[in-house]
Amino acid sequence: MSNETGDGAAWAQRYARQLALPEIGLAGQQRLGRARVLIVGAGGLGSPAAYYLAAAGVGTLRIADDDVVDLSNLQRQILHATADVGRPKAASAADSLLRLNPELRVEARRCRFDRHTAGDLAADADFVIDAADNFEAKFLIADVCHELGKPYSHAGIDGFAGQTMTVLPGRTACYRCVFQAPPGGGEARAVRGPLGAVPGVVGAVQATEAVKCLLGIGTLLTDRLLVYDALSLTFRSVALRRNEECPLCGTSPGAPGGTDREGAHAG
């Protein structure tokens, strides 16, 4: 949404604090209004990321999630409320975001991010937020974003800890450079939290990275993994290097330079 539509005075008031930032200003705010962000997952990470992007005025948010709201989600998934229990998360998220900012376009997709839906969901996105809660989807996000040349923010949480990194496909270290392949075995993993505020911190970083990338400002969290430990209240930046042998973006003669989506899909 730009100030050329709707109530211009209300628009200027809503975004006054961002318009006052020289790095954003009028042109930057209008650019955000034309942007489209795909958020894969409307849970612990997707909730704060989507909420801050909606507040910032990103014009179109596409929310992809096939789950429904459970009572146990409410401790951390701030887009949903008690009355939403049993509702599709994508629809609940859309309602919350539109209550915050009715000028947005929110596309609620109740679907799994898998090899059948991934290309369509990401095709016209300007940025992708990896807020998925399973390894298969995370690797598929990396694969599809590399194929389509879409910048993305990866994040993961566990207990009192979280991590995040930003990837510019073909230019910086990618998710597979760091993690190679999904863990095998398929065993169920014991639930380990998280503390509700942990995905809030990490998801907010993801939203910040999306805004910076969309506007071309600041220094992105590329070639670095930011690790957050809530118990010690520390942030640690781990330097990363693009892996020449990476099966996705490797540049060595032996690197395949791609991966089969059939082997890396959610579900």
Protein backbone atom coordinates (compact mmCIF):
# COMPACT_ATOMS: atom_id res chain seq x y z
CA MET A 1 0.00 0.00 0.00
CA SER A 2 1.36 3.41 -0.87
CA ASN A 3 0.30 6.88 0.12
CA GLU A 4 -1.28 7.18 -3.30
CA THR A 5 -4.19 4.99 -2.16
CA GLY A 6 -6.60 5.33 0.73
CA ASP A 7 -6.30 8.10 3.30
CA GLY A 8 -2.89 9.68 2.72
CA ALA A 9 -2.85 11.41 6.11
CA ALA A 10 -3.63 8.18 7.95
CA TRP A 11 -0.99 6.34 5.92
CA ALA A 12 1.63 8.96 6.80
CA GLN A 13 0.68 8.80 10.46
CA ARG A 14 0.78 5.00 10.58
CA TYR A 15 4.31 4.88 9.19
CA ALA A 16 5.56 8.20 10.60
CA ARG A 17 8.39 6.66 12.60
CA GLN A 18 9.70 4.76 9.58
CA LEU A 19 9.24 7.68 7.22
CA ALA A 20 11.46 9.66 9.59
CA LEU A 21 14.31 7.19 9.12
CA PRO A 22 16.57 8.44 6.31
CA GLU A 23 17.31 4.83 5.33
CA ILE A 24 13.60 4.33 4.59
CA GLY A 25 11.78 7.60 3.94
CA LEU A 26 8.89 7.95 1.52
CA ALA A 27 10.47 5.99 -1.32
CA GLY A 28 11.42 3.11 0.95
CA GLN A 29 8.00 2.93 2.56
CA GLN A 30 6.34 2.84 -0.83
CA ARG A 31 8.76 0.11 -1.87
CA LEU A 32 7.74 -1.95 1.17
CA GLY A 33 4.13 -1.46 0.15
CA ARG A 34 4.85 -3.06 -3.22
CA ALA A 35 6.76 -6.00 -1.76
CA ARG A 36 5.57 -9.58 -1.34
CA VAL A 37 6.91 -11.88 1.38
CA LEU A 38 6.22 -15.60 1.73
CA ILE A 39 6.15 -16.88 5.30
CA VAL A 40 6.35 -20.66 5.57
CA GLY A 41 4.78 -21.49 8.91
CA ALA A 42 2.42 -19.48 11.11
CA GLY A 43 3.75 -20.78 14.41
CA GLY A 44 6.36 -19.62 16.90
CA LEU A 45 8.71 -18.01 14.38
CA GLY A 46 6.17 -17.09 11.73
CA SER A 47 3.96 -15.23 14.19
CA PRO A 48 6.40 -12.47 15.22
CA ALA A 49 7.98 -12.30 11.78
CA ALA A 50 4.61 -11.80 10.08
CA TYR A 51 3.38 -9.40 12.76
CA TYR A 52 6.36 -7.07 12.41
CA LEU A 53 6.25 -7.21 8.62
CA ALA A 54 2.57 -6.32 8.70
CA ALA A 55 3.28 -3.46 11.08
CA ALA A 56 6.11 -2.26 8.84
CA GLY A 57 3.75 -2.03 5.86
CA VAL A 58 4.94 -4.86 3.64
CA GLY A 59 2.13 -4.87 1.11
CA THR A 60 1.50 -8.58 0.58
CA LEU A 61 2.09 -11.38 3.06
CA ARG A 62 1.52 -14.94 1.91
CA ILE A 63 1.10 -17.30 4.86
CA ALA A 64 1.52 -21.03 4.16
CA ASP A 65 0.61 -23.49 6.92
CA ASP A 66 -1.49 -26.65 6.89
CA ASP A 67 -1.92 -27.01 10.65
CA VAL A 68 -4.70 -25.94 13.02
CA VAL A 69 -4.35 -23.95 16.23
CA ASP A 70 -3.85 -26.06 19.34
CA LEU A 71 -4.12 -24.84 22.93
CA SER A 72 -0.45 -25.70 23.49
CA ASN A 73 0.52 -23.28 20.67
CA LEU A 74 -0.70 -20.20 22.51
CA GLN A 75 2.30 -20.03 24.84
CA ARG A 76 4.42 -18.76 21.95
CA GLN A 77 2.41 -18.37 18.72
CA ILE A 78 1.25 -14.80 19.21
CA LEU A 79 -0.87 -14.53 16.05
CA HIS A 80 -3.44 -16.86 17.62
CA ALA A 81 -5.78 -16.57 20.62
CA THR A 82 -7.86 -18.96 22.70
CA ALA A 83 -10.89 -18.43 20.47
CA ASP A 84 -8.84 -19.62 17.48
CA VAL A 85 -8.21 -23.12 18.84
CA GLY A 86 -9.23 -25.59 16.14
CA ARG A 87 -9.07 -23.02 13.33
CA PRO A 88 -6.57 -23.28 10.47
CA LYS A 89 -3.45 -21.36 11.45
CA ALA A 90 -3.24 -19.61 8.07
CA ALA A 91 -6.75 -18.18 8.47
CA SER A 92 -6.24 -17.23 12.10
CA ALA A 93 -2.96 -15.52 11.21
CA ALA A 94 -4.59 -13.59 8.37
CA ASP A 95 -7.33 -12.30 10.67
CA SER A 96 -4.80 -11.11 13.25
CA LEU A 97 -2.62 -9.39 10.68
CA LEU A 98 -5.57 -7.60 9.08
CA ARG A 99 -6.77 -6.41 12.47
CA LEU A 100 -3.35 -4.86 12.94
CA ASN A 101 -3.13 -3.38 9.44
CA PRO A 102 -6.26 -3.60 7.27
CA GLU A 103 -4.44 -2.04 4.31
CA LEU A 104 -2.41 -5.21 3.79
CA ARG A 105 -3.05 -7.98 1.33
CA VAL A 106 -2.82 -11.26 3.24
CA GLU A 107 -2.96 -14.50 1.29
CA ALA A 108 -3.81 -17.37 3.63
CA ARG A 109 -2.78 -20.70 2.13
CA ARG A 110 -3.81 -23.75 4.11
CA CYS A 111 -1.31 -26.10 2.55
CA ARG A 112 1.87 -27.96 3.28
CA PHE A 113 5.05 -26.52 1.77
CA ASP A 114 6.07 -29.54 -0.28
CA ARG A 115 7.30 -30.41 -3.76
CA HIS A 116 3.79 -29.91 -5.16
CA THR A 117 3.17 -26.43 -3.73
CA ALA A 118 6.63 -24.91 -3.19
CA GLY A 119 7.21 -23.48 -6.65
CA ASP A 120 3.84 -21.76 -6.83
CA LEU A 121 4.10 -20.36 -3.31
CA ALA A 122 7.57 -18.88 -3.83
CA ALA A 123 7.44 -17.92 -7.51
CA ASP A 124 6.55 -14.23 -7.12
CA ALA A 125 7.89 -13.63 -3.62
CA ASP A 126 10.52 -10.95 -3.07
CA PHE A 127 11.70 -12.60 0.14
CA VAL A 128 11.00 -15.88 1.95
CA ILE A 129 10.82 -16.44 5.71
CA ASP A 130 11.68 -19.99 6.76
CA ALA A 131 9.51 -20.40 9.86
CA ALA A 132 8.93 -24.11 9.26
CA ASP A 133 9.02 -26.55 12.15
CA ASN A 134 10.55 -29.55 10.38
CA PHE A 135 13.83 -30.28 8.64
CA GLU A 136 12.31 -31.50 5.39
CA ALA A 137 10.53 -28.22 4.76
CA LYS A 138 13.60 -26.20 5.70
CA PHE A 139 15.77 -28.03 3.18
CA LEU A 140 13.09 -27.68 0.53
CA ILE A 141 12.89 -23.93 1.18
CA ALA A 142 16.63 -23.73 0.57
CA ASP A 143 16.36 -25.78 -2.61
CA VAL A 144 13.44 -23.85 -4.10
CA CYS A 145 14.85 -20.46 -3.19
CA HIS A 146 18.13 -21.41 -4.86
CA GLU A 147 16.30 -22.56 -7.98
CA LEU A 148 14.23 -19.37 -8.16
CA GLY A 149 16.91 -16.97 -6.92
CA LYS A 150 14.85 -15.84 -3.92
CA PRO A 151 16.59 -14.41 -0.84
CA TYR A 152 15.49 -16.07 2.38
CA SER A 153 15.91 -16.07 6.14
CA HIS A 154 16.42 -19.40 7.87
CA ALA A 155 15.73 -19.81 11.57
CA GLY A 156 15.41 -22.62 14.07
CA ILE A 157 14.66 -22.81 17.78
CA ASP A 158 15.17 -25.41 20.49
CA GLY A 159 14.55 -24.99 24.19
CA PHE A 160 16.14 -21.72 25.27
CA ALA A 161 18.17 -21.28 22.07
CA GLY A 162 17.62 -20.03 18.56
CA GLN A 163 19.61 -19.47 15.40
CA THR A 164 19.12 -17.54 12.20
CA MET A 165 20.95 -16.68 8.97
CA THR A 166 20.11 -14.87 5.74
CA VAL A 167 20.90 -16.35 2.33
CA LEU A 168 21.34 -14.70 -1.06
CA PRO A 169 21.27 -17.74 -3.37
CA GLY A 170 24.42 -18.21 -5.41
CA ARG A 171 26.18 -15.37 -3.60
CA THR A 172 26.43 -16.41 0.05
CA ALA A 173 26.61 -19.57 2.14
CA CYS A 174 23.31 -21.42 1.88
CA TYR A 175 21.43 -23.63 4.28
CA ARG A 176 22.89 -26.78 2.71
CA CYS A 177 26.40 -25.36 2.93
CA VAL A 178 25.96 -25.45 6.69
CA PHE A 179 23.65 -28.40 7.36
CA GLN A 180 24.17 -30.58 4.23
CA ALA A 181 21.14 -32.90 4.52
CA PRO A 182 18.19 -33.66 6.79
CA PRO A 183 18.98 -35.99 9.69
CA GLY A 184 18.14 -39.61 8.95
CA GLY A 185 16.16 -42.12 10.91
CA GLY A 186 12.88 -40.26 11.16
CA GLU A 187 12.60 -40.94 14.90
CA ALA A 188 10.24 -38.77 16.89
CA ARG A 189 12.17 -36.19 18.88
CA ALA A 190 11.32 -35.35 22.46
CA VAL A 191 9.62 -31.99 22.84
CA ARG A 192 12.10 -29.37 24.08
CA GLY A 193 10.19 -26.19 24.74
CA PRO A 194 10.78 -23.63 23.53
CA LEU A 195 10.48 -20.84 26.02
CA GLY A 196 7.78 -18.72 24.41
CA ALA A 197 9.83 -15.54 24.07
CA VAL A 198 12.71 -17.26 22.23
CA PRO A 199 10.96 -17.52 18.84
CA GLY A 200 9.76 -13.97 19.42
CA VAL A 201 13.35 -12.72 19.52
CA VAL A 202 14.48 -14.77 16.54
CA GLY A 203 11.37 -14.11 14.46
CA ALA A 204 11.83 -10.38 15.00
CA VAL A 205 15.36 -10.69 13.61
CA GLN A 206 13.95 -12.48 10.56
CA ALA A 207 11.49 -9.63 9.97
CA THR A 208 14.31 -7.11 10.29
CA GLU A 209 16.38 -8.98 7.73
CA ALA A 210 13.43 -9.10 5.32
CA VAL A 211 12.92 -5.33 5.55
CA LYS A 212 16.64 -4.64 5.08
CA CYS A 213 16.83 -6.94 2.07
CA LEU A 214 13.69 -5.50 0.46
CA LEU A 215 15.07 -1.98 0.84
CA GLY A 216 18.73 -2.75 0.14
CA ILE A 217 19.89 -1.15 3.39
CA GLY A 218 22.32 -2.12 6.14
CA THR A 219 24.41 -5.27 6.34
CA LEU A 220 22.52 -8.52 6.03
CA LEU A 221 23.11 -11.56 8.21
CA THR A 222 24.80 -13.40 5.36
CA ASP A 223 27.77 -15.73 5.74
CA ARG A 224 27.03 -15.66 9.46
CA LEU A 225 24.89 -17.75 11.79
CA LEU A 226 23.48 -15.73 14.69
CA VAL A 227 23.07 -17.96 17.75
CA TYR A 228 20.90 -16.76 20.64
CA ASP A 229 21.06 -18.29 24.11
CA ALA A 230 18.27 -17.01 26.34
CA LEU A 231 19.61 -18.62 29.52
CA SER A 232 22.89 -16.72 29.36
CA LEU A 233 21.34 -13.86 27.36
CA THR A 234 24.11 -13.94 24.78
CA PHE A 235 24.26 -13.57 21.02
CA ARG A 236 27.08 -15.26 19.14
CA SER A 237 27.91 -14.71 15.47
CA VAL A 238 29.46 -17.74 13.78
CA ALA A 239 31.33 -17.00 10.55
CA LEU A 240 30.29 -19.17 7.59
CA ARG A 241 31.88 -19.84 4.24
CA ARG A 242 30.25 -21.00 1.07
CA ASN A 243 31.03 -24.68 0.62
CA GLU A 244 32.48 -25.43 -2.80
CA GLU A 245 31.28 -29.03 -2.40
CA CYS A 246 27.75 -28.00 -1.44
CA PRO A 247 25.21 -30.22 -3.22
CA LEU A 248 23.03 -27.19 -3.84
CA CYS A 249 25.24 -24.19 -4.63
CA GLY A 250 28.70 -25.76 -4.86
CA THR A 251 31.12 -24.44 -7.45
CA SER A 252 33.62 -27.29 -7.57
CA PRO A 253 33.60 -29.59 -10.65
CA GLY A 254 32.26 -32.47 -8.59
CA ALA A 255 29.42 -30.58 -6.95
CA PRO A 256 26.01 -31.44 -8.40
CA GLY A 257 24.85 -27.85 -8.06
CA GLY A 258 21.31 -28.88 -7.35
CA THR A 259 19.11 -31.35 -5.56
CA ASP A 260 16.07 -33.48 -6.30
CA ARG A 261 12.96 -31.99 -4.74
CA GLU A 262 11.50 -35.48 -4.44
CA GLY A 263 14.03 -36.23 -1.73
CA ALA A 264 13.54 -33.06 0.31
CA HIS A 265 9.91 -32.29 0.79
CA ALA A 266 7.83 -31.58 3.84
CA GLY A 267 5.88 -34.53 5.07
